[in-house]
Amino acid sequence: MAHIPSDVWQLNGVSEELELLHIEVEVDAVGNRPGREDALYSKNVLRKQRHWERQLASKKSKRKEEKQRRKLHQEQESGTSTDNPKLTKRVVKAITKERLTEAQATGLKVCVDLSMTDCMSDKEVSRLAGQLRRLYGSNRKAARPFHVFLTDLREDSRLYRECLRMNDGFLNYVMEITAESCLDLFPPETIVYLSPDAEKALETVEADKVYVLGGLVDESIQKKLSYSKASELSVHMARLPIDEYMVRKDNAKNFHSKILAINQVFDILLTFRNTGSWTRALETWFPGGKGYVIASDDSQTPPGTAAQT
């Protein structure tokens, strides 16, 4: 076989590339020549796509910053972090499970009442499943987690199916999942049902009480549903001390709301339990978009409100 010099191969390669380029240009010039309307349409689509990409990048950046801020705060509050780079994932998992298992034996009890999902839309049920995932995530990361119960959660319910669909490992969550109600599990005198419509403000959390969160979402248009449920059960009621520690903030939409997602209420209780400060708990977890800020003269927690553990 005759030897072909390398420079000949290179020339042949360049020629082939030029030929292909020539063919592509001819096709574009003859077959795909855009009209003026098509060009304008393409520009509009491109502009909208760039706008959407900028919005998406901005949202991702904000979520990342918020996650980092909360993570740092949680580590500072607990004094312990399972994110130590020296720990392997296996060790971190073992420590987390040990904490959650210990909480089931000695931890303060928080119950999520899921008996009201029948009056919720499919969208609201999906959002509730997401809130339960975030609630469990917060409890897993806590230095002193709560003993969590999900009550009135039937296996044939929409919420149960949605939790299985949306939440990886839901059946392995280290918490109590039951179709029974909170009254089936606990004496009525030990239950404190948290409702934004309750008259009495929650002052502390006590080891011999069970704190019940109503499993509802923000979109729910039925008012005083958790209040009515607590009244039906004939148990004690309390609200988060928002009025005692926060004031309304002027905003363009004149919007103010004390209705929180169950995972937000849970995070507030966790932080108060660890710090004994409602000011710090509300300042950290109460969403800024709700139109409330911490009152300037309530920088210190009043005497007698420290968490009882």
C-alpha atoms as a PDB file:
ATOM      1  CA  MET A   1       0.000   0.000   0.000  1.00  0.00           C
ATOM      2  CA  ALA A   2       1.381   3.355  -1.072  1.00  0.00           C
ATOM      3  CA  HIS A   3       2.246   5.850   1.640  1.00  0.00           C
ATOM      4  CA  ILE A   4       0.189   9.062   1.507  1.00  0.00           C
ATOM      5  CA  PRO A   5       1.879  12.140   2.990  1.00  0.00           C
ATOM      6  CA  SER A   6       0.186  13.733   6.046  1.00  0.00           C
ATOM      7  CA  ASP A   7      -0.141  17.106   4.307  1.00  0.00           C
ATOM      8  CA  VAL A   8      -2.277  15.466   1.622  1.00  0.00           C
ATOM      9  CA  TRP A   9      -4.591  14.043   4.314  1.00  0.00           C
ATOM     10  CA  GLN A  10      -4.911  17.483   5.897  1.00  0.00           C
ATOM     11  CA  LEU A  11      -5.748  19.112   2.547  1.00  0.00           C
ATOM     12  CA  ASN A  12      -8.344  16.475   1.841  1.00  0.00           C
ATOM     13  CA  GLY A  13      -9.887  17.032   5.286  1.00  0.00           C
ATOM     14  CA  VAL A  14     -10.097  20.802   4.771  1.00  0.00           C
ATOM     15  CA  SER A  15     -11.642  20.309   1.357  1.00  0.00           C
ATOM     16  CA  GLU A  16     -14.326  18.019   2.785  1.00  0.00           C
ATOM     17  CA  GLU A  17     -15.145  20.503   5.560  1.00  0.00           C
ATOM     18  CA  LEU A  18     -15.411  23.354   3.050  1.00  0.00           C
ATOM     19  CA  GLU A  19     -17.654  21.242   0.859  1.00  0.00           C
ATOM     20  CA  LEU A  20     -19.961  20.440   3.773  1.00  0.00           C
ATOM     21  CA  LEU A  21     -20.000  24.089   4.840  1.00  0.00           C
ATOM     22  CA  HIS A  22     -20.855  25.074   1.249  1.00  0.00           C
ATOM     23  CA  ILE A  23     -23.747  22.630   1.177  1.00  0.00           C
ATOM     24  CA  GLU A  24     -25.110  23.858   4.549  1.00  0.00           C
ATOM     25  CA  VAL A  25     -24.956  27.486   3.455  1.00  0.00           C
ATOM     26  CA  GLU A  26     -26.800  26.667   0.244  1.00  0.00           C
ATOM     27  CA  VAL A  27     -29.535  24.845   2.138  1.00  0.00           C
ATOM     28  CA  ASP A  28     -29.933  27.721   4.581  1.00  0.00           C
ATOM     29  CA  ALA A  29     -29.965  30.264   1.786  1.00  0.00           C
ATOM     30  CA  VAL A  30     -32.507  28.425  -0.366  1.00  0.00           C
ATOM     31  CA  GLY A  31     -34.510  26.042   1.792  1.00  0.00           C
ATOM     32  CA  ASN A  32     -34.751  27.813   5.165  1.00  0.00           C
ATOM     33  CA  ARG A  33     -34.757  31.448   4.317  1.00  0.00           C
ATOM     34  CA  PRO A  34     -36.919  33.085   7.017  1.00  0.00           C
ATOM     35  CA  GLY A  35     -39.482  35.685   6.194  1.00  0.00           C
ATOM     36  CA  ARG A  36     -39.885  38.935   8.049  1.00  0.00           C
ATOM     37  CA  GLU A  37     -42.793  37.657  10.160  1.00  0.00           C
ATOM     38  CA  ASP A  38     -40.863  34.528  11.086  1.00  0.00           C
ATOM     39  CA  ALA A  39     -37.880  36.636  12.109  1.00  0.00           C
ATOM     40  CA  LEU A  40     -40.027  38.848  14.335  1.00  0.00           C
ATOM     41  CA  TYR A  41     -41.669  35.791  15.876  1.00  0.00           C
ATOM     42  CA  SER A  42     -38.264  34.243  16.582  1.00  0.00           C
ATOM     43  CA  LYS A  43     -37.060  37.442  18.243  1.00  0.00           C
ATOM     44  CA  ASN A  44     -40.131  37.524  20.514  1.00  0.00           C
ATOM     45  CA  VAL A  45     -39.668  33.897  21.474  1.00  0.00           C
ATOM     46  CA  LEU A  46     -35.975  34.479  22.177  1.00  0.00           C
ATOM     47  CA  ARG A  47     -36.716  37.565  24.269  1.00  0.00           C
ATOM     48  CA  LYS A  48     -39.322  35.708  26.334  1.00  0.00           C
ATOM     49  CA  GLN A  49     -36.978  32.768  26.788  1.00  0.00           C
ATOM     50  CA  ARG A  50     -34.161  35.023  28.014  1.00  0.00           C
ATOM     51  CA  HIS A  51     -36.563  36.778  30.407  1.00  0.00           C
ATOM     52  CA  TRP A  52     -37.730  33.429  31.761  1.00  0.00           C
ATOM     53  CA  GLU A  53     -34.116  32.242  32.174  1.00  0.00           C
ATOM     54  CA  ARG A  54     -33.212  35.406  34.103  1.00  0.00           C
ATOM     55  CA  GLN A  55     -36.209  34.958  36.400  1.00  0.00           C
ATOM     56  CA  LEU A  56     -35.338  31.302  36.965  1.00  0.00           C
ATOM     57  CA  ALA A  57     -31.699  32.128  37.750  1.00  0.00           C
ATOM     58  CA  SER A  58     -32.799  34.834  40.177  1.00  0.00           C
ATOM     59  CA  LYS A  59     -35.179  32.483  41.994  1.00  0.00           C
ATOM     60  CA  LYS A  60     -32.523  29.761  42.237  1.00  0.00           C
ATOM     61  CA  SER A  61     -30.040  32.259  43.658  1.00  0.00           C
ATOM     62  CA  LYS A  62     -32.519  33.496  46.262  1.00  0.00           C
ATOM     63  CA  ARG A  63     -33.438  29.946  47.289  1.00  0.00           C
ATOM     64  CA  LYS A  64     -29.769  29.042  47.635  1.00  0.00           C
ATOM     65  CA  GLU A  65     -29.027  32.103  49.765  1.00  0.00           C
ATOM     66  CA  GLU A  66     -32.060  31.468  51.980  1.00  0.00           C
ATOM     67  CA  LYS A  67     -31.106  27.812  52.404  1.00  0.00           C
ATOM     68  CA  GLN A  68     -27.549  28.752  53.368  1.00  0.00           C
ATOM     69  CA  ARG A  69     -28.775  31.386  55.825  1.00  0.00           C
ATOM     70  CA  ARG A  70     -31.168  29.007  57.543  1.00  0.00           C
ATOM     71  CA  LYS A  71     -28.620  26.215  57.601  1.00  0.00           C
ATOM     72  CA  LEU A  72     -26.048  28.476  59.269  1.00  0.00           C
ATOM     73  CA  HIS A  73     -28.605  29.717  61.785  1.00  0.00           C
ATOM     74  CA  GLN A  74     -29.732  26.205  62.636  1.00  0.00           C
ATOM     75  CA  GLU A  75     -26.156  25.069  63.214  1.00  0.00           C
ATOM     76  CA  GLN A  76     -25.496  28.065  65.456  1.00  0.00           C
ATOM     77  CA  GLU A  77     -28.648  27.418  67.484  1.00  0.00           C
ATOM     78  CA  SER A  78     -28.082  23.702  67.940  1.00  0.00           C
ATOM     79  CA  GLY A  79     -24.342  23.920  68.484  1.00  0.00           C
ATOM     80  CA  THR A  80     -24.088  20.658  66.610  1.00  0.00           C
ATOM     81  CA  SER A  81     -24.011  19.979  62.887  1.00  0.00           C
ATOM     82  CA  THR A  82     -24.196  16.664  61.100  1.00  0.00           C
ATOM     83  CA  ASP A  83     -22.708  18.385  58.037  1.00  0.00           C
ATOM     84  CA  ASN A  84     -19.186  18.009  59.413  1.00  0.00           C
ATOM     85  CA  PRO A  85     -17.033  17.084  56.387  1.00  0.00           C
ATOM     86  CA  LYS A  86     -15.087  14.659  58.571  1.00  0.00           C
ATOM     87  CA  LEU A  87     -18.196  12.513  59.043  1.00  0.00           C
ATOM     88  CA  THR A  88     -19.155   9.952  56.434  1.00  0.00           C
ATOM     89  CA  LYS A  89     -22.716   9.738  55.116  1.00  0.00           C
ATOM     90  CA  ARG A  90     -23.144   6.454  56.945  1.00  0.00           C
ATOM     91  CA  VAL A  91     -22.191   8.069  60.276  1.00  0.00           C
ATOM     92  CA  VAL A  92     -24.431  11.076  59.656  1.00  0.00           C
ATOM     93  CA  LYS A  93     -27.345   8.777  58.858  1.00  0.00           C
ATOM     94  CA  ALA A  94     -26.722   6.742  62.004  1.00  0.00           C
ATOM     95  CA  ILE A  95     -26.551   9.867  64.209  1.00  0.00           C
ATOM     96  CA  THR A  96     -29.757  11.228  62.696  1.00  0.00           C
ATOM     97  CA  LYS A  97     -31.636   7.976  63.197  1.00  0.00           C
ATOM     98  CA  GLU A  98     -30.362   7.729  66.778  1.00  0.00           C
ATOM     99  CA  ARG A  99     -31.661  11.221  67.571  1.00  0.00           C
ATOM    100  CA  LEU A 100     -35.057  10.548  66.016  1.00  0.00           C
ATOM    101  CA  THR A 101     -35.366   7.194  67.789  1.00  0.00           C
ATOM    102  CA  GLU A 102     -34.482   8.805  71.111  1.00  0.00           C
ATOM    103  CA  ALA A 103     -37.083  11.510  70.458  1.00  0.00           C
ATOM    104  CA  GLN A 104     -39.732   8.808  70.056  1.00  0.00           C
ATOM    105  CA  ALA A 105     -38.944   7.703  73.595  1.00  0.00           C
ATOM    106  CA  THR A 106     -38.319  10.997  75.391  1.00  0.00           C
ATOM    107  CA  GLY A 107     -39.034  13.903  73.016  1.00  0.00           C
ATOM    108  CA  LEU A 108     -41.762  16.508  73.195  1.00  0.00           C
ATOM    109  CA  LYS A 109     -44.808  15.423  71.218  1.00  0.00           C
ATOM    110  CA  VAL A 110     -46.070  17.253  68.128  1.00  0.00           C
ATOM    111  CA  CYS A 111     -49.056  15.875  66.291  1.00  0.00           C
ATOM    112  CA  VAL A 112     -50.296  16.838  62.799  1.00  0.00           C
ATOM    113  CA  ASP A 113     -54.063  16.403  62.538  1.00  0.00           C
ATOM    114  CA  LEU A 114     -54.805  15.256  58.978  1.00  0.00           C
ATOM    115  CA  SER A 115     -58.525  14.697  59.430  1.00  0.00           C
ATOM    116  CA  MET A 116     -59.547  17.741  57.363  1.00  0.00           C
ATOM    117  CA  THR A 117     -58.145  16.790  53.958  1.00  0.00           C
ATOM    118  CA  ASP A 118     -61.571  15.855  52.560  1.00  0.00           C
ATOM    119  CA  CYS A 119     -62.430  19.557  52.242  1.00  0.00           C
ATOM    120  CA  MET A 120     -59.230  20.307  50.305  1.00  0.00           C
ATOM    121  CA  SER A 121     -58.592  20.374  46.562  1.00  0.00           C
ATOM    122  CA  ASP A 122     -56.070  18.086  44.857  1.00  0.00           C
ATOM    123  CA  LYS A 123     -53.655  21.018  44.574  1.00  0.00           C
ATOM    124  CA  GLU A 124     -53.951  21.730  48.289  1.00  0.00           C
ATOM    125  CA  VAL A 125     -53.405  18.057  49.119  1.00  0.00           C
ATOM    126  CA  SER A 126     -50.202  18.083  47.032  1.00  0.00           C
ATOM    127  CA  ARG A 127     -48.964  21.186  48.819  1.00  0.00           C
ATOM    128  CA  LEU A 128     -49.728  19.597  52.175  1.00  0.00           C
ATOM    129  CA  ALA A 129     -47.663  16.532  51.201  1.00  0.00           C
ATOM    130  CA  GLY A 130     -44.763  18.870  50.384  1.00  0.00           C
ATOM    131  CA  GLN A 131     -45.120  20.639  53.728  1.00  0.00           C
ATOM    132  CA  LEU A 132     -44.979  17.304  55.551  1.00  0.00           C
ATOM    133  CA  ARG A 133     -41.740  16.505  53.722  1.00  0.00           C
ATOM    134  CA  ARG A 134     -40.202  19.823  54.816  1.00  0.00           C
ATOM    135  CA  LEU A 135     -41.465  19.320  58.369  1.00  0.00           C
ATOM    136  CA  TYR A 136     -39.740  15.942  58.550  1.00  0.00           C
ATOM    137  CA  GLY A 137     -36.592  17.420  57.027  1.00  0.00           C
ATOM    138  CA  SER A 138     -36.453  20.066  59.757  1.00  0.00           C
ATOM    139  CA  ASN A 139     -36.956  17.442  62.457  1.00  0.00           C
ATOM    140  CA  ARG A 140     -34.174  15.267  61.007  1.00  0.00           C
ATOM    141  CA  LYS A 141     -31.709  18.167  61.163  1.00  0.00           C
ATOM    142  CA  ALA A 142     -32.661  19.265  64.680  1.00  0.00           C
ATOM    143  CA  ALA A 143     -30.256  18.642  67.543  1.00  0.00           C
ATOM    144  CA  ARG A 144     -33.267  17.860  69.745  1.00  0.00           C
ATOM    145  CA  PRO A 145     -36.059  16.665  67.455  1.00  0.00           C
ATOM    146  CA  PHE A 146     -39.716  16.316  68.376  1.00  0.00           C
ATOM    147  CA  HIS A 147     -41.635  13.059  68.599  1.00  0.00           C
ATOM    148  CA  VAL A 148     -43.879  13.570  65.559  1.00  0.00           C
ATOM    149  CA  PHE A 149     -47.258  11.946  64.922  1.00  0.00           C
ATOM    150  CA  LEU A 150     -49.255  12.052  61.687  1.00  0.00           C
ATOM    151  CA  THR A 151     -52.795  11.199  62.749  1.00  0.00           C
ATOM    152  CA  ASP A 152     -55.962  10.455  60.756  1.00  0.00           C
ATOM    153  CA  LEU A 153     -53.823   9.453  57.775  1.00  0.00           C
ATOM    154  CA  ARG A 154     -55.619   6.579  56.076  1.00  0.00           C
ATOM    155  CA  GLU A 155     -53.874   4.410  53.510  1.00  0.00           C
ATOM    156  CA  ASP A 156     -56.772   4.839  51.077  1.00  0.00           C
ATOM    157  CA  SER A 157     -56.689   8.654  51.270  1.00  0.00           C
ATOM    158  CA  ARG A 158     -55.530  11.103  48.596  1.00  0.00           C
ATOM    159  CA  LEU A 159     -52.935  12.544  50.960  1.00  0.00           C
ATOM    160  CA  TYR A 160     -51.379   9.145  51.691  1.00  0.00           C
ATOM    161  CA  ARG A 161     -51.038   8.394  47.992  1.00  0.00           C
ATOM    162  CA  GLU A 162     -49.590  11.861  47.371  1.00  0.00           C
ATOM    163  CA  CYS A 163     -47.057  11.451  50.185  1.00  0.00           C
ATOM    164  CA  LEU A 164     -45.898   8.181  48.630  1.00  0.00           C
ATOM    165  CA  ARG A 165     -45.635   9.830  45.204  1.00  0.00           C
ATOM    166  CA  MET A 166     -43.875  13.030  46.267  1.00  0.00           C
ATOM    167  CA  ASN A 167     -41.796  12.030  49.283  1.00  0.00           C
ATOM    168  CA  ASP A 168     -38.972   9.553  48.730  1.00  0.00           C
ATOM    169  CA  GLY A 169     -38.767   7.039  51.551  1.00  0.00           C
ATOM    170  CA  PHE A 170     -42.014   8.228  53.157  1.00  0.00           C
ATOM    171  CA  LEU A 171     -42.725   4.817  54.674  1.00  0.00           C
ATOM    172  CA  ASN A 172     -39.279   4.903  56.314  1.00  0.00           C
ATOM    173  CA  TYR A 173     -39.833   8.248  58.053  1.00  0.00           C
ATOM    174  CA  VAL A 174     -38.963   7.950  61.743  1.00  0.00           C
ATOM    175  CA  MET A 175     -42.323   9.202  62.987  1.00  0.00           C
ATOM    176  CA  GLU A 176     -45.678   7.751  63.987  1.00  0.00           C
ATOM    177  CA  ILE A 177     -48.072   7.413  61.034  1.00  0.00           C
ATOM    178  CA  THR A 178     -51.546   6.270  62.034  1.00  0.00           C
ATOM    179  CA  ALA A 179     -55.187   6.329  60.967  1.00  0.00           C
ATOM    180  CA  GLU A 180     -56.190   7.005  64.590  1.00  0.00           C
ATOM    181  CA  SER A 181     -57.052  10.482  65.843  1.00  0.00           C
ATOM    182  CA  CYS A 182     -55.126  12.452  68.453  1.00  0.00           C
ATOM    183  CA  LEU A 183     -57.926  11.741  70.965  1.00  0.00           C
ATOM    184  CA  ASP A 184     -57.429   8.012  70.404  1.00  0.00           C
ATOM    185  CA  LEU A 185     -53.772   8.399  71.331  1.00  0.00           C
ATOM    186  CA  PHE A 186     -53.681  11.055  74.062  1.00  0.00           C
ATOM    187  CA  PRO A 187     -55.836  12.169  77.023  1.00  0.00           C
ATOM    188  CA  PRO A 188     -57.839  15.316  76.121  1.00  0.00           C
ATOM    189  CA  GLU A 189     -56.360  17.308  79.016  1.00  0.00           C
ATOM    190  CA  THR A 190     -52.847  16.907  77.569  1.00  0.00           C
ATOM    191  CA  ILE A 191     -53.699  18.238  74.096  1.00  0.00           C
ATOM    192  CA  VAL A 192     -53.017  21.829  73.033  1.00  0.00           C
ATOM    193  CA  TYR A 193     -54.452  22.502  69.593  1.00  0.00           C
ATOM    194  CA  LEU A 194     -52.676  25.356  67.788  1.00  0.00           C
ATOM    195  CA  SER A 195     -55.021  27.625  65.848  1.00  0.00           C
ATOM    196  CA  PRO A 196     -54.484  31.204  64.598  1.00  0.00           C
ATOM    197  CA  ASP A 197     -58.029  31.979  65.793  1.00  0.00           C
ATOM    198  CA  ALA A 198     -57.463  30.937  69.416  1.00  0.00           C
ATOM    199  CA  GLU A 199     -57.762  33.663  72.060  1.00  0.00           C
ATOM    200  CA  LYS A 200     -54.906  32.502  74.277  1.00  0.00           C
ATOM    201  CA  ALA A 201     -51.283  32.876  73.146  1.00  0.00           C
ATOM    202  CA  LEU A 202     -48.862  30.001  73.605  1.00  0.00           C
ATOM    203  CA  GLU A 203     -46.326  30.969  76.265  1.00  0.00           C
ATOM    204  CA  THR A 204     -44.154  27.878  76.434  1.00  0.00           C
ATOM    205  CA  VAL A 205     -43.903  24.236  75.405  1.00  0.00           C
ATOM    206  CA  GLU A 206     -44.131  21.604  78.105  1.00  0.00           C
ATOM    207  CA  ALA A 207     -43.010  18.000  78.202  1.00  0.00           C
ATOM    208  CA  ASP A 208     -46.369  16.671  79.442  1.00  0.00           C
ATOM    209  CA  LYS A 209     -48.373  18.305  76.623  1.00  0.00           C
ATOM    210  CA  VAL A 210     -49.118  17.270  73.051  1.00  0.00           C
ATOM    211  CA  TYR A 211     -49.092  20.120  70.542  1.00  0.00           C
ATOM    212  CA  VAL A 212     -51.427  19.583  67.600  1.00  0.00           C
ATOM    213  CA  LEU A 213     -51.064  21.336  64.250  1.00  0.00           C
ATOM    214  CA  GLY A 214     -54.048  21.417  61.908  1.00  0.00           C
ATOM    215  CA  GLY A 215     -53.143  19.854  58.554  1.00  0.00           C
ATOM    216  CA  LEU A 216     -54.320  22.666  56.286  1.00  0.00           C
ATOM    217  CA  VAL A 217     -52.709  24.822  53.596  1.00  0.00           C
ATOM    218  CA  ASP A 218     -52.738  28.559  52.813  1.00  0.00           C
ATOM    219  CA  GLU A 219     -55.142  28.278  49.905  1.00  0.00           C
ATOM    220  CA  SER A 220     -57.905  26.856  52.090  1.00  0.00           C
ATOM    221  CA  ILE A 221     -60.817  29.301  51.936  1.00  0.00           C
ATOM    222  CA  GLN A 222     -62.733  27.799  54.850  1.00  0.00           C
ATOM    223  CA  LYS A 223     -62.083  30.024  57.845  1.00  0.00           C
ATOM    224  CA  LYS A 224     -61.634  28.912  61.443  1.00  0.00           C
ATOM    225  CA  LEU A 225     -61.447  25.262  60.390  1.00  0.00           C
ATOM    226  CA  SER A 226     -58.770  24.354  62.942  1.00  0.00           C
ATOM    227  CA  TYR A 227     -60.623  26.369  65.612  1.00  0.00           C
ATOM    228  CA  SER A 228     -63.830  24.451  64.881  1.00  0.00           C
ATOM    229  CA  LYS A 229     -61.950  21.163  64.967  1.00  0.00           C
ATOM    230  CA  ALA A 230     -60.407  21.954  68.365  1.00  0.00           C
ATOM    231  CA  SER A 231     -63.810  22.994  69.692  1.00  0.00           C
ATOM    232  CA  GLU A 232     -65.288  19.743  68.423  1.00  0.00           C
ATOM    233  CA  LEU A 233     -62.605  17.786  70.268  1.00  0.00           C
ATOM    234  CA  SER A 234     -63.115  19.854  73.459  1.00  0.00           C
ATOM    235  CA  VAL A 235     -59.377  20.385  73.973  1.00  0.00           C
ATOM    236  CA  HIS A 236     -57.220  23.349  74.956  1.00  0.00           C
ATOM    237  CA  MET A 237     -56.411  25.842  72.206  1.00  0.00           C
ATOM    238  CA  ALA A 238     -53.571  28.312  71.744  1.00  0.00           C
ATOM    239  CA  ARG A 239     -52.069  30.462  69.008  1.00  0.00           C
ATOM    240  CA  LEU A 240     -48.501  31.455  68.299  1.00  0.00           C
ATOM    241  CA  PRO A 241     -47.698  34.725  70.134  1.00  0.00           C
ATOM    242  CA  ILE A 242     -47.548  36.770  66.925  1.00  0.00           C
ATOM    243  CA  ASP A 243     -49.514  39.717  68.345  1.00  0.00           C
ATOM    244  CA  GLU A 244     -47.282  39.812  71.415  1.00  0.00           C
ATOM    245  CA  TYR A 245     -43.963  39.913  69.527  1.00  0.00           C
ATOM    246  CA  MET A 246     -44.722  41.269  66.059  1.00  0.00           C
ATOM    247  CA  VAL A 247     -46.333  44.331  64.484  1.00  0.00           C
ATOM    248  CA  ARG A 248     -47.778  45.042  61.077  1.00  0.00           C
ATOM    249  CA  LYS A 249     -45.465  46.410  58.434  1.00  0.00           C
ATOM    250  CA  ASP A 250     -46.669  48.801  55.757  1.00  0.00           C
ATOM    251  CA  ASN A 251     -46.497  47.311  52.277  1.00  0.00           C
ATOM    252  CA  ALA A 252     -47.714  48.206  48.793  1.00  0.00           C
ATOM    253  CA  LYS A 253     -50.413  45.516  48.743  1.00  0.00           C
ATOM    254  CA  ASN A 254     -51.585  46.259  52.297  1.00  0.00           C
ATOM    255  CA  PHE A 255     -51.398  42.497  52.908  1.00  0.00           C
ATOM    256  CA  HIS A 256     -51.155  40.994  56.388  1.00  0.00           C
ATOM    257  CA  SER A 257     -51.667  37.369  57.323  1.00  0.00           C
ATOM    258  CA  LYS A 258     -50.981  35.179  60.338  1.00  0.00           C
ATOM    259  CA  ILE A 259     -51.774  31.947  58.508  1.00  0.00           C
ATOM    260  CA  LEU A 260     -48.653  29.786  58.258  1.00  0.00           C
ATOM    261  CA  ALA A 261     -47.829  26.465  56.643  1.00  0.00           C
ATOM    262  CA  ILE A 262     -47.536  23.599  59.103  1.00  0.00           C
ATOM    263  CA  ASN A 263     -43.795  23.239  58.466  1.00  0.00           C
ATOM    264  CA  GLN A 264     -43.326  26.963  59.295  1.00  0.00           C
ATOM    265  CA  VAL A 265     -45.222  26.563  62.583  1.00  0.00           C
ATOM    266  CA  PHE A 266     -43.119  23.472  63.291  1.00  0.00           C
ATOM    267  CA  ASP A 267     -39.855  25.351  62.644  1.00  0.00           C
ATOM    268  CA  ILE A 268     -40.957  28.124  65.005  1.00  0.00           C
ATOM    269  CA  LEU A 269     -41.697  25.579  67.742  1.00  0.00           C
ATOM    270  CA  LEU A 270     -38.344  23.844  67.175  1.00  0.00           C
ATOM    271  CA  THR A 271     -36.371  27.075  67.438  1.00  0.00           C
ATOM    272  CA  PHE A 272     -38.280  28.220  70.517  1.00  0.00           C
ATOM    273  CA  ARG A 273     -37.724  24.847  72.147  1.00  0.00           C
ATOM    274  CA  ASN A 274     -33.958  25.163  71.570  1.00  0.00           C
ATOM    275  CA  THR A 275     -33.555  28.861  72.428  1.00  0.00           C
ATOM    276  CA  GLY A 276     -36.428  29.785  74.758  1.00  0.00           C
ATOM    277  CA  SER A 277     -36.924  32.941  72.654  1.00  0.00           C
ATOM    278  CA  TRP A 278     -40.114  33.641  70.728  1.00  0.00           C
ATOM    279  CA  THR A 279     -38.451  36.721  69.278  1.00  0.00           C
ATOM    280  CA  ARG A 280     -35.691  34.663  67.705  1.00  0.00           C
ATOM    281  CA  ALA A 281     -38.040  31.903  66.560  1.00  0.00           C
ATOM    282  CA  LEU A 282     -40.503  34.274  64.889  1.00  0.00           C
ATOM    283  CA  GLU A 283     -37.789  36.462  63.413  1.00  0.00           C
ATOM    284  CA  THR A 284     -36.135  33.442  61.815  1.00  0.00           C
ATOM    285  CA  TRP A 285     -39.146  31.573  60.440  1.00  0.00           C
ATOM    286  CA  PHE A 286     -42.084  33.964  60.074  1.00  0.00           C
ATOM    287  CA  PRO A 287     -42.208  34.755  56.307  1.00  0.00           C
ATOM    288  CA  GLY A 288     -41.466  38.384  55.461  1.00  0.00           C
ATOM    289  CA  GLY A 289     -44.182  38.400  52.815  1.00  0.00           C
ATOM    290  CA  LYS A 290     -46.878  37.981  55.463  1.00  0.00           C
ATOM    291  CA  GLY A 291     -46.601  41.669  56.382  1.00  0.00           C
ATOM    292  CA  TYR A 292     -45.302  41.403  59.967  1.00  0.00           C
ATOM    293  CA  VAL A 293     -41.980  42.261  61.614  1.00  0.00           C
ATOM    294  CA  ILE A 294     -40.604  41.855  65.125  1.00  0.00           C
ATOM    295  CA  ALA A 295     -41.611  44.727  67.417  1.00  0.00           C
ATOM    296  CA  SER A 296     -38.580  46.835  68.282  1.00  0.00           C
ATOM    297  CA  ASP A 297     -39.324  46.889  72.018  1.00  0.00           C
ATOM    298  CA  ASP A 298     -39.561  43.093  72.287  1.00  0.00           C
ATOM    299  CA  SER A 299     -35.931  42.251  71.696  1.00  0.00           C
ATOM    300  CA  GLN A 300     -35.782  40.120  74.839  1.00  0.00           C
ATOM    301  CA  THR A 301     -37.960  37.183  75.812  1.00  0.00           C
ATOM    302  CA  PRO A 302     -40.169  38.042  78.817  1.00  0.00           C
ATOM    303  CA  PRO A 303     -39.522  36.078  82.007  1.00  0.00           C
ATOM    304  CA  GLY A 304     -41.382  32.804  82.398  1.00  0.00           C
ATOM    305  CA  THR A 305     -41.505  31.861  78.695  1.00  0.00           C
ATOM    306  CA  ALA A 306     -38.508  29.570  78.491  1.00  0.00           C
ATOM    307  CA  ALA A 307     -39.194  26.144  77.014  1.00  0.00           C
ATOM    308  CA  GLN A 308     -39.815  23.372  79.527  1.00  0.00           C
ATOM    309  CA  THR A 309     -37.957  20.221  78.485  1.00  0.00           C
END
